[in-house]
Amino acid sequence: MESVIKETLEIAERRFKAFGFSEEQCERLLLSGKDNIERELQRLRKILTNKHRDINKCQNTLHALKGLFSNLGNHRLAEALLALEGHRNCDAIRKALRNILYLQDI
């Protein structure tokens, strides 16, 4: 999972600098992006490890993560999560996320 966050932040930093953001602005945006990704990943872990999984909460969290990855420029991950939207089987989603986000603890 850390590699996914690192990859995303590296992409985002290149994009932010290309857009002309100052170093200070980049740092704030990257910190905010990292915090948001970590929060949503924690939320997803909690949903998927709960005995009574809520597929709607799972889908909402996947959607939020997809948006974060897309906004930060990691379109590979955003597209992979987009492919999971609409799935109604938590076990299939868990299996896919282990490969996409390297989340072995779900």
Protein backbone atom coordinates (compact mmCIF):
# COMPACT_ATOMS: atom_id res chain seq x y z
CA MET A 1 0.00 0.00 0.00
CA GLU A 2 2.81 2.42 0.79
CA SER A 3 4.10 1.96 -2.75
CA VAL A 4 0.70 3.00 -4.12
CA ILE A 5 0.72 6.16 -2.03
CA LYS A 6 4.33 6.92 -2.95
CA GLU A 7 3.61 6.38 -6.66
CA THR A 8 0.57 8.64 -6.51
CA LEU A 9 2.36 11.42 -4.65
CA GLU A 10 5.26 11.35 -7.11
CA ILE A 11 2.86 11.71 -10.02
CA ALA A 12 0.99 14.49 -8.22
CA GLU A 13 4.17 16.39 -7.41
CA ARG A 14 5.23 16.37 -11.07
CA ARG A 15 1.78 17.59 -12.10
CA PHE A 16 1.63 20.32 -9.46
CA LYS A 17 5.06 21.63 -10.45
CA ALA A 18 4.08 21.55 -14.12
CA PHE A 19 1.01 23.62 -13.23
CA GLY A 20 3.31 26.20 -11.64
CA PHE A 21 2.53 25.67 -7.97
CA SER A 22 5.18 26.87 -5.54
CA GLU A 23 7.14 24.39 -3.43
CA GLU A 24 5.08 25.39 -0.38
CA GLN A 25 1.82 24.89 -2.25
CA CYS A 26 3.00 21.49 -3.52
CA GLU A 27 3.91 20.38 -0.01
CA ARG A 28 0.49 21.34 1.36
CA LEU A 29 -1.36 19.66 -1.51
CA LEU A 30 0.72 16.50 -1.23
CA LEU A 31 0.22 16.29 2.53
CA SER A 32 -3.51 16.78 2.12
CA GLY A 33 -3.66 14.19 -0.66
CA LYS A 34 -1.72 11.66 1.40
CA ASP A 35 -3.94 12.21 4.44
CA ASN A 36 -7.08 11.81 2.34
CA ILE A 37 -5.86 8.60 0.68
CA GLU A 38 -4.83 7.12 4.02
CA ARG A 39 -8.19 8.03 5.58
CA GLU A 40 -10.18 6.45 2.75
CA LEU A 41 -7.99 3.33 2.72
CA GLN A 42 -8.53 2.95 6.46
CA ARG A 43 -12.27 3.36 5.95
CA LEU A 44 -12.18 0.72 3.20
CA ARG A 45 -10.23 -1.69 5.42
CA LYS A 46 -12.78 -1.26 8.20
CA ILE A 47 -15.68 -1.90 5.82
CA LEU A 48 -14.13 -4.96 4.19
CA THR A 49 -12.92 -6.59 7.40
CA ASN A 50 -16.25 -6.15 9.16
CA LYS A 51 -18.30 -9.32 9.52
CA HIS A 52 -21.37 -7.45 8.24
CA ARG A 53 -20.02 -5.68 5.17
CA ASP A 54 -22.00 -2.80 3.76
CA ILE A 55 -21.65 -2.85 -0.03
CA ASN A 56 -22.99 0.70 -0.36
CA LYS A 57 -20.36 2.08 2.03
CA CYS A 58 -17.76 0.06 0.16
CA GLN A 59 -18.84 1.50 -3.17
CA ASN A 60 -18.89 5.05 -1.77
CA THR A 61 -15.37 4.63 -0.45
CA LEU A 62 -14.13 3.14 -3.73
CA HIS A 63 -15.65 6.12 -5.52
CA ALA A 64 -13.90 8.55 -3.16
CA LEU A 65 -10.56 6.79 -3.67
CA LYS A 66 -11.05 6.77 -7.43
CA GLY A 67 -11.59 10.52 -7.31
CA LEU A 68 -8.53 11.09 -5.16
CA PHE A 69 -6.29 9.03 -7.43
CA SER A 70 -7.69 10.74 -10.50
CA ASN A 71 -7.27 14.24 -9.06
CA LEU A 72 -3.70 13.43 -8.06
CA GLY A 73 -2.95 12.15 -11.55
CA ASN A 74 -2.73 8.41 -10.94
CA HIS A 75 -5.09 7.46 -13.73
CA ARG A 76 -3.95 3.82 -13.73
CA LEU A 77 -5.33 3.32 -10.24
CA ALA A 78 -8.38 5.49 -10.86
CA GLU A 79 -9.32 3.35 -13.87
CA ALA A 80 -8.76 0.13 -11.93
CA LEU A 81 -11.09 1.35 -9.17
CA LEU A 82 -13.62 2.52 -11.74
CA ALA A 83 -13.78 -1.06 -13.00
CA LEU A 84 -14.86 -2.15 -9.49
CA GLU A 85 -17.68 0.34 -9.21
CA GLY A 86 -20.99 -1.43 -9.46
CA HIS A 87 -19.65 -4.77 -8.22
CA ARG A 88 -22.00 -6.12 -5.59
CA ASN A 89 -19.74 -8.83 -4.20
CA CYS A 90 -17.47 -7.74 -1.34
CA ASP A 91 -15.28 -10.82 -1.64
CA ALA A 92 -14.57 -10.10 -5.31
CA ILE A 93 -13.78 -6.49 -4.45
CA ARG A 94 -11.45 -7.57 -1.64
CA LYS A 95 -9.59 -9.92 -3.96
CA ALA A 96 -9.21 -7.26 -6.63
CA LEU A 97 -8.02 -4.64 -4.12
CA ARG A 98 -5.32 -6.96 -2.84
CA ASN A 99 -3.84 -6.87 -6.34
CA ILE A 100 -4.62 -3.25 -7.26
CA LEU A 101 -3.71 -1.49 -4.01
CA TYR A 102 -1.54 -4.18 -2.44
CA LEU A 103 -3.85 -4.39 0.56
CA GLN A 104 -3.03 -7.79 1.98
CA ASP A 105 -4.70 -7.11 5.31
CA ILE A 106 -8.27 -7.04 4.02
